[in-house]
Amino acid sequence: MNGRHAIPFKAGLALLAVCGCSACLSCQKKTGSMTDPSRFRTLVVYDVEGLHGGDISAEELDATPQATLDGETTARIFRQATWKAGEPWWKGGSLGVASLDDGTKRQIAISYYGGIFVVLGEPGYYVIEGESRVAFDVVMKEILAKTFLPSREKGLGRSEFGTK
């Protein structure tokens, strides 16, 4: 390479390194600008399609069939979730509201398939794997069978919001 192109090439690499890193989602996660699921203390799961979270009022949520996961169950399932860039393939799920260790709350969309969830309003998604995934599947099946399906048979839940 001749000297004439060396400075612009090096400047371009420096610019790419600075701009690329500041925009990198994995760097944002490492600096704490995204929700860390290990901070989830409890989780309330609602019988509402998860991706509709922002469209539903607090009053509607209060009237919706719901199930609360205690602290131990929430920690066991979510504490080691792995963040992934991009958007997941979404087939359906429920809305959850996670209470964090500082008292704040985050809406999450919890998929019924694939052991994944999305923190609404944040990029990427999380994957639940291993023993946590087994516990997740058991808990979600139990919530569906014992809480949501009986409520739906009574005309409550998803049908009220047109998300059946």
N, C-alpha and C. Protein backbone atom coordinates (compact mmCIF):
# COMPACT_ATOMS: atom_id res chain seq x y z
N MET A 1 0.86 -1.16 0.00
CA MET A 1 0.00 0.00 0.00
C MET A 1 0.91 1.23 0.00
N ASN A 2 0.58 2.24 -0.84
CA ASN A 2 1.43 3.43 -0.85
C ASN A 2 1.01 4.40 0.24
N GLY A 3 1.84 5.37 0.54
CA GLY A 3 1.62 6.32 1.62
C GLY A 3 0.39 7.18 1.42
N ARG A 4 0.01 7.40 0.17
CA ARG A 4 -1.12 8.27 -0.12
C ARG A 4 -2.42 7.69 0.45
N HIS A 5 -2.59 6.39 0.47
CA HIS A 5 -3.82 5.76 0.95
C HIS A 5 -3.74 5.32 2.41
N ALA A 6 -2.57 5.37 2.99
CA ALA A 6 -2.39 4.87 4.34
C ALA A 6 -3.16 5.68 5.37
N ILE A 7 -3.11 7.02 5.29
CA ILE A 7 -3.79 7.85 6.28
C ILE A 7 -5.31 7.69 6.17
N PRO A 8 -5.92 7.85 4.99
CA PRO A 8 -7.38 7.68 4.91
C PRO A 8 -7.82 6.28 5.33
N PHE A 9 -7.05 5.27 4.98
CA PHE A 9 -7.40 3.90 5.34
C PHE A 9 -7.38 3.73 6.85
N LYS A 10 -6.32 4.22 7.50
CA LYS A 10 -6.22 4.13 8.96
C LYS A 10 -7.31 4.96 9.63
N ALA A 11 -7.58 6.15 9.08
CA ALA A 11 -8.64 6.99 9.64
C ALA A 11 -9.99 6.29 9.52
N GLY A 12 -10.20 5.65 8.38
CA GLY A 12 -11.45 4.91 8.16
C GLY A 12 -11.59 3.76 9.15
N LEU A 13 -10.52 3.05 9.41
CA LEU A 13 -10.56 1.96 10.38
C LEU A 13 -10.86 2.48 11.78
N ALA A 14 -10.22 3.60 12.13
CA ALA A 14 -10.46 4.19 13.44
C ALA A 14 -11.91 4.63 13.57
N LEU A 15 -12.46 5.26 12.54
CA LEU A 15 -13.85 5.70 12.56
C LEU A 15 -14.79 4.51 12.67
N LEU A 16 -14.51 3.47 11.92
CA LEU A 16 -15.33 2.26 11.99
C LEU A 16 -15.28 1.65 13.38
N ALA A 17 -14.09 1.61 13.97
CA ALA A 17 -13.96 1.03 15.31
C ALA A 17 -14.74 1.83 16.34
N VAL A 18 -14.65 3.16 16.27
CA VAL A 18 -15.34 4.00 17.24
C VAL A 18 -16.85 3.97 17.02
N CYS A 19 -17.29 4.22 15.80
CA CYS A 19 -18.73 4.25 15.50
C CYS A 19 -19.36 2.87 15.62
N GLY A 20 -18.66 1.87 15.12
CA GLY A 20 -19.21 0.51 15.17
C GLY A 20 -19.39 0.04 16.59
N CYS A 21 -18.43 0.34 17.46
CA CYS A 21 -18.53 -0.12 18.83
C CYS A 21 -19.60 0.64 19.59
N SER A 22 -19.74 1.95 19.35
CA SER A 22 -20.75 2.70 20.09
C SER A 22 -22.15 2.29 19.69
N ALA A 23 -22.32 1.75 18.49
CA ALA A 23 -23.65 1.35 18.04
C ALA A 23 -23.91 -0.14 18.29
N CYS A 24 -22.90 -0.86 18.72
CA CYS A 24 -23.01 -2.31 18.89
C CYS A 24 -23.95 -2.66 20.03
N LEU A 25 -24.94 -3.48 19.78
CA LEU A 25 -25.92 -3.84 20.81
C LEU A 25 -25.29 -4.63 21.95
N SER A 26 -24.29 -5.45 21.63
CA SER A 26 -23.69 -6.22 22.72
C SER A 26 -22.93 -5.28 23.67
N CYS A 27 -22.38 -4.18 23.14
CA CYS A 27 -21.74 -3.20 24.03
C CYS A 27 -22.78 -2.50 24.88
N GLN A 28 -23.94 -2.16 24.29
CA GLN A 28 -25.00 -1.54 25.07
C GLN A 28 -25.41 -2.45 26.22
N LYS A 29 -25.54 -3.74 25.96
CA LYS A 29 -25.94 -4.67 27.00
C LYS A 29 -24.89 -4.69 28.11
N LYS A 30 -23.63 -4.71 27.74
CA LYS A 30 -22.57 -4.78 28.73
C LYS A 30 -22.49 -3.53 29.59
N THR A 31 -22.92 -2.38 29.06
CA THR A 31 -22.83 -1.15 29.82
C THR A 31 -24.10 -0.91 30.64
N GLY A 32 -25.06 -1.81 30.59
CA GLY A 32 -26.23 -1.72 31.45
C GLY A 32 -27.36 -0.88 30.91
N SER A 33 -27.36 -0.55 29.63
CA SER A 33 -28.44 0.25 29.08
C SER A 33 -29.65 -0.59 28.74
N MET A 34 -29.57 -1.88 28.95
CA MET A 34 -30.70 -2.78 28.71
C MET A 34 -31.04 -3.52 30.00
N THR A 35 -32.23 -4.05 30.05
CA THR A 35 -32.68 -4.77 31.24
C THR A 35 -31.93 -6.08 31.39
N ASP A 36 -31.46 -6.36 32.57
CA ASP A 36 -30.76 -7.60 32.89
C ASP A 36 -31.76 -8.55 33.56
N PRO A 37 -32.13 -9.66 32.91
CA PRO A 37 -33.13 -10.57 33.48
C PRO A 37 -32.75 -11.16 34.83
N SER A 38 -31.48 -11.14 35.18
CA SER A 38 -31.09 -11.66 36.50
C SER A 38 -31.61 -10.74 37.61
N ARG A 39 -32.09 -9.55 37.24
CA ARG A 39 -32.65 -8.60 38.20
C ARG A 39 -34.16 -8.82 38.41
N PHE A 40 -34.78 -9.73 37.63
CA PHE A 40 -36.20 -10.01 37.80
C PHE A 40 -36.41 -10.63 39.19
N ARG A 41 -37.36 -10.10 39.94
CA ARG A 41 -37.67 -10.65 41.27
C ARG A 41 -38.96 -11.45 41.26
N THR A 42 -39.98 -10.96 40.60
CA THR A 42 -41.23 -11.70 40.42
C THR A 42 -41.73 -11.40 39.01
N LEU A 43 -42.66 -12.22 38.56
CA LEU A 43 -43.22 -12.02 37.23
C LEU A 43 -44.70 -12.34 37.27
N VAL A 44 -45.51 -11.44 36.72
CA VAL A 44 -46.94 -11.68 36.55
C VAL A 44 -47.14 -11.94 35.06
N VAL A 45 -47.76 -13.07 34.74
CA VAL A 45 -48.03 -13.45 33.36
C VAL A 45 -49.52 -13.25 33.11
N TYR A 46 -49.85 -12.49 32.05
CA TYR A 46 -51.24 -12.18 31.72
C TYR A 46 -51.68 -12.95 30.48
N ASP A 47 -52.97 -13.26 30.42
CA ASP A 47 -53.52 -13.95 29.25
C ASP A 47 -53.84 -12.94 28.16
N VAL A 48 -52.79 -12.29 27.70
CA VAL A 48 -52.84 -11.30 26.63
C VAL A 48 -51.65 -11.58 25.73
N GLU A 49 -51.83 -11.50 24.42
CA GLU A 49 -50.71 -11.69 23.51
C GLU A 49 -49.60 -10.71 23.90
N GLY A 50 -48.41 -11.24 24.10
CA GLY A 50 -47.30 -10.47 24.63
C GLY A 50 -46.90 -9.25 23.85
N LEU A 51 -46.98 -9.30 22.54
CA LEU A 51 -46.54 -8.18 21.74
C LEU A 51 -47.52 -7.02 21.75
N HIS A 52 -48.70 -7.19 22.40
CA HIS A 52 -49.70 -6.13 22.50
C HIS A 52 -49.58 -5.37 23.82
N GLY A 53 -48.53 -5.58 24.57
CA GLY A 53 -48.39 -4.99 25.89
C GLY A 53 -48.68 -3.52 26.01
N GLY A 54 -48.10 -2.71 25.15
CA GLY A 54 -48.29 -1.28 25.24
C GLY A 54 -49.69 -0.81 24.85
N ASP A 55 -50.48 -1.70 24.26
CA ASP A 55 -51.81 -1.33 23.79
C ASP A 55 -52.90 -1.56 24.82
N ILE A 56 -52.56 -2.04 25.98
CA ILE A 56 -53.56 -2.44 26.97
C ILE A 56 -53.41 -1.59 28.22
N SER A 57 -54.51 -1.06 28.70
CA SER A 57 -54.47 -0.19 29.87
C SER A 57 -54.26 -1.02 31.15
N ALA A 58 -53.85 -0.34 32.21
CA ALA A 58 -53.66 -1.00 33.51
C ALA A 58 -54.97 -1.59 34.00
N GLU A 59 -56.08 -0.91 33.75
CA GLU A 59 -57.39 -1.41 34.19
C GLU A 59 -57.74 -2.72 33.48
N GLU A 60 -57.46 -2.77 32.16
CA GLU A 60 -57.72 -4.00 31.41
C GLU A 60 -56.83 -5.13 31.91
N LEU A 61 -55.58 -4.83 32.20
CA LEU A 61 -54.68 -5.87 32.72
C LEU A 61 -55.16 -6.40 34.06
N ASP A 62 -55.60 -5.51 34.93
CA ASP A 62 -56.09 -5.94 36.24
C ASP A 62 -57.28 -6.90 36.11
N ALA A 63 -58.08 -6.73 35.06
CA ALA A 63 -59.26 -7.57 34.85
C ALA A 63 -58.96 -8.82 34.04
N THR A 64 -57.71 -9.00 33.66
CA THR A 64 -57.30 -10.12 32.81
C THR A 64 -56.84 -11.29 33.66
N PRO A 65 -57.19 -12.53 33.26
CA PRO A 65 -56.64 -13.69 33.97
C PRO A 65 -55.11 -13.60 34.01
N GLN A 66 -54.56 -13.93 35.17
CA GLN A 66 -53.12 -13.78 35.37
C GLN A 66 -52.59 -14.81 36.35
N ALA A 67 -51.30 -15.02 36.27
CA ALA A 67 -50.62 -15.93 37.20
C ALA A 67 -49.31 -15.26 37.63
N THR A 68 -48.98 -15.38 38.92
CA THR A 68 -47.77 -14.76 39.45
C THR A 68 -46.74 -15.84 39.76
N LEU A 69 -45.54 -15.64 39.24
CA LEU A 69 -44.42 -16.52 39.56
C LEU A 69 -43.70 -15.93 40.77
N ASP A 70 -43.43 -16.76 41.76
CA ASP A 70 -42.73 -16.28 42.95
C ASP A 70 -41.26 -16.00 42.63
N GLY A 71 -40.58 -15.43 43.58
CA GLY A 71 -39.19 -15.04 43.38
C GLY A 71 -38.27 -16.19 43.03
N GLU A 72 -38.42 -17.32 43.70
CA GLU A 72 -37.56 -18.46 43.43
C GLU A 72 -37.76 -18.99 42.01
N THR A 73 -39.01 -19.12 41.60
CA THR A 73 -39.30 -19.62 40.25
C THR A 73 -38.81 -18.63 39.20
N THR A 74 -39.07 -17.35 39.42
CA THR A 74 -38.64 -16.32 38.48
C THR A 74 -37.12 -16.35 38.31
N ALA A 75 -36.39 -16.40 39.41
CA ALA A 75 -34.93 -16.43 39.36
C ALA A 75 -34.42 -17.68 38.65
N ARG A 76 -35.01 -18.83 38.98
CA ARG A 76 -34.56 -20.09 38.38
C ARG A 76 -34.72 -20.07 36.87
N ILE A 77 -35.78 -19.47 36.38
CA ILE A 77 -36.05 -19.47 34.94
C ILE A 77 -35.27 -18.38 34.20
N PHE A 78 -35.24 -17.18 34.73
CA PHE A 78 -34.76 -16.03 33.96
C PHE A 78 -33.33 -15.59 34.23
N ARG A 79 -32.72 -15.99 35.34
CA ARG A 79 -31.43 -15.41 35.73
C ARG A 79 -30.30 -15.67 34.74
N GLN A 80 -30.35 -16.77 34.00
CA GLN A 80 -29.25 -17.07 33.08
C GLN A 80 -29.67 -16.97 31.61
N ALA A 81 -30.74 -16.24 31.34
CA ALA A 81 -31.18 -16.07 29.96
C ALA A 81 -30.08 -15.37 29.16
N THR A 82 -29.94 -15.78 27.91
CA THR A 82 -28.89 -15.25 27.04
C THR A 82 -29.49 -14.28 26.03
N TRP A 83 -28.90 -13.09 25.94
CA TRP A 83 -29.37 -12.08 25.00
C TRP A 83 -28.88 -12.39 23.60
N LYS A 84 -29.75 -12.17 22.60
CA LYS A 84 -29.40 -12.37 21.19
C LYS A 84 -29.79 -11.12 20.41
N ALA A 85 -29.00 -10.77 19.43
CA ALA A 85 -29.33 -9.65 18.55
C ALA A 85 -30.41 -10.09 17.57
N GLY A 86 -31.12 -9.13 17.03
CA GLY A 86 -32.12 -9.42 16.01
C GLY A 86 -33.50 -9.58 16.61
N GLU A 87 -34.40 -10.10 15.78
CA GLU A 87 -35.77 -10.32 16.22
C GLU A 87 -36.09 -11.80 16.16
N PRO A 88 -36.79 -12.30 17.17
CA PRO A 88 -37.11 -13.73 17.17
C PRO A 88 -38.25 -14.03 16.21
N TRP A 89 -38.36 -15.28 15.86
CA TRP A 89 -39.50 -15.76 15.09
C TRP A 89 -40.63 -15.93 16.08
N TRP A 90 -41.69 -15.15 15.96
CA TRP A 90 -42.74 -15.09 16.97
C TRP A 90 -43.98 -15.84 16.50
N LYS A 91 -44.41 -16.84 17.28
CA LYS A 91 -45.61 -17.59 16.96
C LYS A 91 -46.74 -17.30 17.94
N GLY A 92 -46.46 -16.67 19.02
CA GLY A 92 -47.49 -16.36 20.00
C GLY A 92 -46.98 -16.53 21.41
N GLY A 93 -47.62 -15.85 22.33
CA GLY A 93 -47.19 -15.94 23.72
C GLY A 93 -48.06 -15.07 24.59
N SER A 94 -47.54 -14.72 25.74
CA SER A 94 -48.27 -13.92 26.72
C SER A 94 -47.47 -12.70 27.13
N LEU A 95 -48.18 -11.73 27.67
CA LEU A 95 -47.55 -10.56 28.24
C LEU A 95 -47.16 -10.86 29.67
N GLY A 96 -45.99 -10.42 30.06
CA GLY A 96 -45.55 -10.53 31.44
C GLY A 96 -45.10 -9.17 31.94
N VAL A 97 -45.24 -8.95 33.24
CA VAL A 97 -44.69 -7.75 33.86
C VAL A 97 -43.72 -8.22 34.93
N ALA A 98 -42.45 -7.94 34.70
CA ALA A 98 -41.40 -8.34 35.63
C ALA A 98 -41.13 -7.20 36.61
N SER A 99 -41.08 -7.53 37.88
CA SER A 99 -40.65 -6.56 38.91
C SER A 99 -39.17 -6.77 39.13
N LEU A 100 -38.40 -5.69 39.03
CA LEU A 100 -36.95 -5.77 39.18
C LEU A 100 -36.53 -5.50 40.62
N ASP A 101 -35.28 -5.77 40.90
CA ASP A 101 -34.75 -5.62 42.26
C ASP A 101 -34.78 -4.19 42.78
N ASP A 102 -34.90 -3.20 41.90
CA ASP A 102 -34.98 -1.80 42.34
C ASP A 102 -36.43 -1.29 42.42
N GLY A 103 -37.40 -2.18 42.21
CA GLY A 103 -38.80 -1.81 42.30
C GLY A 103 -39.43 -1.39 40.98
N THR A 104 -38.62 -1.20 39.94
CA THR A 104 -39.18 -0.84 38.64
C THR A 104 -39.80 -2.07 37.99
N LYS A 105 -40.61 -1.84 36.97
CA LYS A 105 -41.27 -2.94 36.26
C LYS A 105 -40.98 -2.84 34.78
N ARG A 106 -40.90 -3.99 34.12
CA ARG A 106 -40.69 -4.06 32.69
C ARG A 106 -41.71 -5.01 32.09
N GLN A 107 -42.31 -4.60 30.96
CA GLN A 107 -43.20 -5.49 30.24
C GLN A 107 -42.35 -6.38 29.35
N ILE A 108 -42.67 -7.67 29.36
CA ILE A 108 -41.97 -8.61 28.49
C ILE A 108 -43.00 -9.44 27.73
N ALA A 109 -42.65 -9.81 26.51
CA ALA A 109 -43.46 -10.73 25.72
C ALA A 109 -42.80 -12.10 25.87
N ILE A 110 -43.56 -13.08 26.35
CA ILE A 110 -43.04 -14.41 26.62
C ILE A 110 -43.60 -15.36 25.57
N SER A 111 -42.73 -15.97 24.79
CA SER A 111 -43.18 -16.88 23.74
C SER A 111 -43.58 -18.23 24.33
N TYR A 112 -44.62 -18.82 23.78
CA TYR A 112 -44.98 -20.18 24.16
C TYR A 112 -44.06 -21.20 23.49
N TYR A 113 -43.30 -20.77 22.52
CA TYR A 113 -42.46 -21.67 21.74
C TYR A 113 -41.01 -21.20 21.76
N GLY A 114 -40.09 -22.11 21.91
CA GLY A 114 -38.68 -21.79 21.77
C GLY A 114 -37.98 -21.25 23.00
N GLY A 115 -38.69 -21.08 24.11
CA GLY A 115 -38.04 -20.58 25.32
C GLY A 115 -37.45 -19.20 25.15
N ILE A 116 -38.20 -18.30 24.52
CA ILE A 116 -37.68 -16.96 24.29
C ILE A 116 -38.61 -15.90 24.90
N PHE A 117 -38.04 -14.73 25.17
CA PHE A 117 -38.82 -13.58 25.58
C PHE A 117 -38.15 -12.31 25.11
N VAL A 118 -38.95 -11.26 25.02
CA VAL A 118 -38.52 -9.95 24.56
C VAL A 118 -38.86 -8.95 25.64
N VAL A 119 -37.93 -8.08 25.99
CA VAL A 119 -38.25 -6.95 26.86
C VAL A 119 -38.80 -5.88 25.92
N LEU A 120 -40.09 -5.55 26.06
CA LEU A 120 -40.72 -4.62 25.13
C LEU A 120 -40.03 -3.27 25.16
N GLY A 121 -39.77 -2.75 23.97
CA GLY A 121 -39.11 -1.46 23.83
C GLY A 121 -37.59 -1.53 23.80
N GLU A 122 -37.03 -2.73 23.90
CA GLU A 122 -35.58 -2.89 23.86
C GLU A 122 -35.21 -3.78 22.67
N PRO A 123 -34.03 -3.60 22.11
CA PRO A 123 -33.62 -4.42 20.97
C PRO A 123 -33.29 -5.84 21.40
N GLY A 124 -33.35 -6.75 20.44
CA GLY A 124 -32.96 -8.13 20.67
C GLY A 124 -33.99 -8.92 21.44
N TYR A 125 -33.58 -10.11 21.85
CA TYR A 125 -34.43 -11.01 22.61
C TYR A 125 -33.55 -11.91 23.48
N TYR A 126 -34.19 -12.65 24.37
CA TYR A 126 -33.47 -13.53 25.28
C TYR A 126 -33.90 -14.97 25.05
N VAL A 127 -32.96 -15.88 25.24
CA VAL A 127 -33.21 -17.31 25.10
C VAL A 127 -32.99 -17.97 26.46
N ILE A 128 -33.94 -18.81 26.84
CA ILE A 128 -33.85 -19.58 28.08
C ILE A 128 -33.44 -21.00 27.67
N GLU A 129 -32.36 -21.51 28.26
CA GLU A 129 -31.83 -22.80 27.85
C GLU A 129 -31.58 -23.72 29.04
N GLY A 130 -31.30 -24.97 28.75
CA GLY A 130 -30.92 -25.95 29.76
C GLY A 130 -32.02 -26.22 30.77
N GLU A 131 -31.62 -26.38 32.04
CA GLU A 131 -32.58 -26.68 33.11
C GLU A 131 -33.59 -25.55 33.29
N SER A 132 -33.15 -24.33 33.04
CA SER A 132 -34.07 -23.20 33.13
C SER A 132 -35.18 -23.33 32.10
N ARG A 133 -34.84 -23.83 30.93
CA ARG A 133 -35.83 -24.02 29.86
C ARG A 133 -36.84 -25.10 30.25
N VAL A 134 -36.37 -26.15 30.86
CA VAL A 134 -37.28 -27.21 31.32
C VAL A 134 -38.26 -26.64 32.33
N ALA A 135 -37.75 -25.87 33.30
CA ALA A 135 -38.61 -25.25 34.31
C ALA A 135 -39.59 -24.28 33.65
N PHE A 136 -39.12 -23.50 32.69
CA PHE A 136 -39.97 -22.56 31.96
C PHE A 136 -41.12 -23.28 31.28
N ASP A 137 -40.81 -24.36 30.55
CA ASP A 137 -41.85 -25.11 29.84
C ASP A 137 -42.89 -25.68 30.80
N VAL A 138 -42.45 -26.21 31.93
CA VAL A 138 -43.37 -26.77 32.92
C VAL A 138 -44.29 -25.68 33.48
N VAL A 139 -43.71 -24.56 33.85
CA VAL A 139 -44.48 -23.46 34.44
C VAL A 139 -45.49 -22.90 33.43
N MET A 140 -45.05 -22.67 32.19
CA MET A 140 -45.95 -22.11 31.19
C MET A 140 -47.10 -23.07 30.86
N LYS A 141 -46.81 -24.37 30.77
CA LYS A 141 -47.89 -25.35 30.52
C LYS A 141 -48.88 -25.36 31.67
N GLU A 142 -48.38 -25.25 32.88
CA GLU A 142 -49.26 -25.23 34.05
C GLU A 142 -50.14 -23.98 34.06
N ILE A 143 -49.56 -22.84 33.75
CA ILE A 143 -50.34 -21.59 33.70
C ILE A 143 -51.43 -21.69 32.63
N LEU A 144 -51.06 -22.21 31.48
CA LEU A 144 -52.06 -22.36 30.41
C LEU A 144 -53.18 -23.29 30.83
N ALA A 145 -52.81 -24.45 31.36
CA ALA A 145 -53.81 -25.47 31.69
C ALA A 145 -54.68 -25.10 32.89
N LYS A 146 -54.09 -24.51 33.92
CA LYS A 146 -54.83 -24.29 35.16
C LYS A 146 -55.45 -22.90 35.29
N THR A 147 -54.94 -21.94 34.54
CA THR A 147 -55.43 -20.57 34.69
C THR A 147 -56.04 -20.03 33.40
N PHE A 148 -55.27 -20.02 32.32
CA PHE A 148 -55.73 -19.35 31.11
C PHE A 148 -56.83 -20.11 30.37
N LEU A 149 -56.66 -21.40 30.15
CA LEU A 149 -57.68 -22.14 29.39
C LEU A 149 -59.03 -22.18 30.11
N PRO A 150 -59.09 -22.43 31.41
CA PRO A 150 -60.39 -22.37 32.09
C PRO A 150 -61.03 -20.98 32.01
N SER A 151 -60.22 -19.93 32.08
CA SER A 151 -60.75 -18.57 31.96
C SER A 151 -61.29 -18.31 30.57
N ARG A 152 -60.60 -18.81 29.57
CA ARG A 152 -61.06 -18.63 28.18
C ARG A 152 -62.38 -19.35 27.96
N GLU A 153 -62.54 -20.50 28.58
CA GLU A 153 -63.80 -21.24 28.45
C GLU A 153 -64.97 -20.46 29.04
N LYS A 154 -64.67 -19.59 29.99
CA LYS A 154 -65.69 -18.74 30.61
C LYS A 154 -65.85 -17.42 29.86
N GLY A 155 -65.13 -17.24 28.76
CA GLY A 155 -65.24 -16.02 27.97
C GLY A 155 -64.34 -14.90 28.44
N LEU A 156 -63.37 -15.20 29.27
CA LEU A 156 -62.44 -14.18 29.77
C LEU A 156 -61.11 -14.28 29.02
N GLY A 157 -60.25 -13.34 29.24
CA GLY A 157 -58.90 -13.42 28.68
C GLY A 157 -58.80 -12.85 27.29
N ARG A 158 -58.11 -13.55 26.43
CA ARG A 158 -57.74 -13.04 25.11
C ARG A 158 -58.90 -12.53 24.29
N SER A 159 -60.05 -13.19 24.35
CA SER A 159 -61.15 -12.80 23.49
C SER A 159 -61.61 -11.37 23.76
N GLU A 160 -61.43 -10.87 24.98
CA GLU A 160 -61.84 -9.52 25.32
C GLU A 160 -61.02 -8.48 24.56
N PHE A 161 -59.80 -8.84 24.15
CA PHE A 161 -58.90 -7.87 23.53
C PHE A 161 -58.71 -8.15 22.04
N GLY A 162 -59.47 -9.09 21.51
CA GLY A 162 -59.36 -9.38 20.09
C GLY A 162 -58.04 -10.01 19.70
N THR A 163 -57.40 -10.70 20.63
CA THR A 163 -56.08 -11.29 20.34
C THR A 163 -56.14 -12.80 20.42
N LYS A 164 -57.29 -13.37 20.23
CA LYS A 164 -57.47 -14.82 20.31
C LYS A 164 -56.66 -15.54 19.28
